[in-house]
C-alpha atoms as a PDB file:
ATOM      1  CA  MET A   1      -0.105  -0.240   0.130  1.00  0.00           C
ATOM      2  CA  LYS A   2       3.185   2.565   0.943  1.00  0.00           C
ATOM      3  CA  LYS A   3       4.654   1.578  -2.538  1.00  0.00           C
ATOM      4  CA  ASN A   4       1.367   2.507  -4.218  1.00  0.00           C
ATOM      5  CA  LYS A   5       1.316   5.795  -2.668  1.00  0.00           C
ATOM      6  CA  ILE A   6       4.855   6.875  -3.259  1.00  0.00           C
ATOM      7  CA  ASN A   7       4.174   5.852  -7.033  1.00  0.00           C
ATOM      8  CA  ARG A   8       1.398   8.370  -7.468  1.00  0.00           C
ATOM      9  CA  LEU A   9       3.444  10.586  -5.770  1.00  0.00           C
ATOM     10  CA  TYR A  10       6.379  10.454  -8.557  1.00  0.00           C
ATOM     11  CA  LEU A  11       3.591  10.510 -11.008  1.00  0.00           C
ATOM     12  CA  LEU A  12       2.047  13.560  -9.646  1.00  0.00           C
ATOM     13  CA  SER A  13       5.379  15.018  -9.366  1.00  0.00           C
ATOM     14  CA  ALA A  14       6.194  13.928 -13.035  1.00  0.00           C
ATOM     15  CA  ALA A  15       2.921  15.617 -14.314  1.00  0.00           C
ATOM     16  CA  LEU A  16       3.338  19.008 -12.354  1.00  0.00           C
ATOM     17  CA  PHE A  17       6.879  19.021 -13.699  1.00  0.00           C
ATOM     18  CA  ALA A  18       5.456  18.396 -17.347  1.00  0.00           C
ATOM     19  CA  ALA A  19       3.163  21.061 -16.935  1.00  0.00           C
ATOM     20  CA  ILE A  20       5.461  23.782 -15.525  1.00  0.00           C
ATOM     21  CA  ALA A  21       7.817  23.079 -18.533  1.00  0.00           C
ATOM     22  CA  VAL A  22       5.016  23.597 -21.198  1.00  0.00           C
ATOM     23  CA  TRP A  23       3.863  26.662 -19.329  1.00  0.00           C
ATOM     24  CA  PHE A  24       7.488  28.015 -19.405  1.00  0.00           C
ATOM     25  CA  LEU A  25       7.753  27.026 -23.282  1.00  0.00           C
ATOM     26  CA  VAL A  26       4.538  28.768 -24.034  1.00  0.00           C
ATOM     27  CA  SER A  27       5.659  31.945 -22.129  1.00  0.00           C
ATOM     28  CA  VAL A  28       8.910  31.876 -23.976  1.00  0.00           C
ATOM     29  CA  ASN A  29       7.085  31.944 -27.208  1.00  0.00           C
ATOM     30  CA  ASN A  30       4.971  34.655 -26.536  1.00  0.00           C
ATOM     31  CA  ALA A  31       7.514  36.715 -25.216  1.00  0.00           C
ATOM     32  CA  ASP A  32       9.213  36.252 -28.625  1.00  0.00           C
ATOM     33  CA  SER A  33       6.504  37.293 -30.531  1.00  0.00           C
ATOM     34  CA  ALA A  34       5.866  40.226 -28.951  1.00  0.00           C
ATOM     35  CA  ALA A  35       9.429  41.429 -28.986  1.00  0.00           C
ATOM     36  CA  ASN A  36       9.276  40.665 -33.131  1.00  0.00           C
ATOM     37  CA  GLY A  37       6.175  42.708 -33.243  1.00  0.00           C
ATOM     38  CA  LYS A  38       7.942  45.535 -31.423  1.00  0.00           C
ATOM     39  CA  ARG A  39      10.777  45.379 -33.736  1.00  0.00           C
ATOM     40  CA  THR A  40       8.548  45.643 -36.735  1.00  0.00           C
ATOM     41  CA  GLU A  41       6.780  48.418 -35.080  1.00  0.00           C
ATOM     42  CA  ALA A  42      10.108  50.174 -34.891  1.00  0.00           C
ATOM     43  CA  VAL A  43      10.787  49.684 -38.348  1.00  0.00           C
ATOM     44  CA  TYR A  44       7.462  51.497 -39.314  1.00  0.00           C
ATOM     45  CA  ASN A  45       7.897  54.077 -37.086  1.00  0.00           C
ATOM     46  CA  SER A  46      11.554  54.886 -38.363  1.00  0.00           C
ATOM     47  CA  VAL A  47      10.177  55.043 -41.961  1.00  0.00           C
ATOM     48  CA  MET A  48       7.151  57.147 -41.310  1.00  0.00           C
ATOM     49  CA  ASN A  49       9.182  59.386 -38.591  1.00  0.00           C
ATOM     50  CA  GLY A  50      11.861  59.650 -41.874  1.00  0.00           C
ATOM     51  CA  ALA A  51       8.763  60.623 -44.033  1.00  0.00           C
ATOM     52  CA  SER A  52       7.283  63.330 -41.743  1.00  0.00           C
ATOM     53  CA  LEU A  53      10.740  64.810 -41.372  1.00  0.00           C
ATOM     54  CA  CYS A  54      11.484  65.034 -45.280  1.00  0.00           C
ATOM     55  CA  TYR A  55       7.963  66.722 -45.633  1.00  0.00           C
ATOM     56  CA  SER A  56       8.685  69.166 -42.913  1.00  0.00           C
ATOM     57  CA  ILE A  57      11.979  70.234 -44.441  1.00  0.00           C
ATOM     58  CA  GLU A  58      11.274  69.910 -48.081  1.00  0.00           C
ATOM     59  CA  GLY A  59       7.754  70.522 -48.468  1.00  0.00           C
ATOM     60  CA  GLU A  60       6.969  67.144 -50.139  1.00  0.00           C
ATOM     61  CA  TYR A  61       7.275  63.564 -48.741  1.00  0.00           C
ATOM     62  CA  PRO A  62       9.960  61.461 -50.310  1.00  0.00           C
ATOM     63  CA  PRO A  63       9.353  59.507 -53.667  1.00  0.00           C
ATOM     64  CA  ASP A  64      10.709  56.272 -52.496  1.00  0.00           C
ATOM     65  CA  LEU A  65      12.246  54.367 -49.883  1.00  0.00           C
ATOM     66  CA  GLU A  66      15.954  54.935 -51.238  1.00  0.00           C
ATOM     67  CA  TYR A  67      15.412  58.624 -50.981  1.00  0.00           C
ATOM     68  CA  LEU A  68      14.847  58.091 -47.108  1.00  0.00           C
ATOM     69  CA  GLU A  69      17.799  55.779 -46.831  1.00  0.00           C
ATOM     70  CA  LYS A  70      20.216  58.208 -48.842  1.00  0.00           C
ATOM     71  CA  ASN A  71      19.229  61.410 -47.420  1.00  0.00           C
ATOM     72  CA  TYR A  72      17.436  60.956 -43.726  1.00  0.00           C
ATOM     73  CA  GLY A  73      19.638  57.998 -42.112  1.00  0.00           C
ATOM     74  CA  VAL A  74      16.768  55.356 -42.373  1.00  0.00           C
ATOM     75  CA  ARG A  75      18.103  52.171 -42.212  1.00  0.00           C
ATOM     76  CA  ILE A  76      16.146  49.161 -42.631  1.00  0.00           C
ATOM     77  CA  ASN A  77      17.546  45.488 -42.445  1.00  0.00           C
ATOM     78  CA  LYS A  78      16.218  44.155 -45.579  1.00  0.00           C
ATOM     79  CA  ASP A  79      17.333  40.681 -45.033  1.00  0.00           C
ATOM     80  CA  LYS A  80      15.227  40.620 -41.961  1.00  0.00           C
ATOM     81  CA  TYR A  81      12.081  43.040 -42.869  1.00  0.00           C
ATOM     82  CA  ILE A  82      10.031  43.605 -46.255  1.00  0.00           C
ATOM     83  CA  VAL A  83       8.862  47.443 -46.467  1.00  0.00           C
ATOM     84  CA  ASP A  84       6.425  48.426 -49.126  1.00  0.00           C
ATOM     85  CA  TYR A  85       6.629  52.001 -49.651  1.00  0.00           C
ATOM     86  CA  SER A  86       3.686  53.344 -51.678  1.00  0.00           C
ATOM     87  CA  TYR A  87       4.183  57.144 -52.867  1.00  0.00           C
ATOM     88  CA  PHE A  88       1.019  58.934 -54.204  1.00  0.00           C
ATOM     89  CA  GLY A  89       2.247  62.317 -54.487  1.00  0.00           C
ATOM     90  CA  ALA A  90       4.297  65.282 -53.122  1.00  0.00           C
ATOM     91  CA  ASN A  91       1.535  66.472 -50.493  1.00  0.00           C
ATOM     92  CA  ILE A  92       0.033  63.157 -49.894  1.00  0.00           C
ATOM     93  CA  ARG A  93       1.201  61.070 -46.957  1.00  0.00           C
ATOM     94  CA  PRO A  94       2.574  57.588 -47.934  1.00  0.00           C
ATOM     95  CA  THR A  95       1.429  54.403 -46.741  1.00  0.00           C
ATOM     96  CA  VAL A  96       4.091  51.849 -45.705  1.00  0.00           C
ATOM     97  CA  THR A  97       3.658  48.135 -44.528  1.00  0.00           C
ATOM     98  CA  VAL A  98       6.113  46.480 -42.661  1.00  0.00           C
ATOM     99  CA  ALA A  99       6.536  42.807 -42.560  1.00  0.00           C
ATOM    100  CA  GLU A 100       8.999  40.355 -41.047  1.00  0.00           C
ATOM    101  CA  ARG A 101      10.371  38.005 -43.768  1.00  0.00           C
ATOM    102  CA  GLU A 102      10.063  34.257 -43.137  1.00  0.00           C
ATOM    103  CA  GLY A 103      13.065  32.417 -41.678  1.00  0.00           C
ATOM    104  CA  SER A 104      14.573  35.315 -40.351  1.00  0.00           C
END
């Protein structure tokens, strides 16, 4: 009888340890996803801030992303992020979409 109780205790301990390990792995994955979202948001903000700075200095939005990189110091890791910069006109704010590349 006593041996049966000890086996149940070990089984309960192992199940509790497994549950804690799974919870930890899920938490780490969620934290990593949140951090990736913040980095993507930082790239977006960098592009939009550069475009706004260009507009305030030159009176028109930059025609493309390369112009921002060359003249306003915007730096984008193109191996990690895809940036779609849609220019509609000199006085219309561009539309910017940033996505993280898969596998990066």
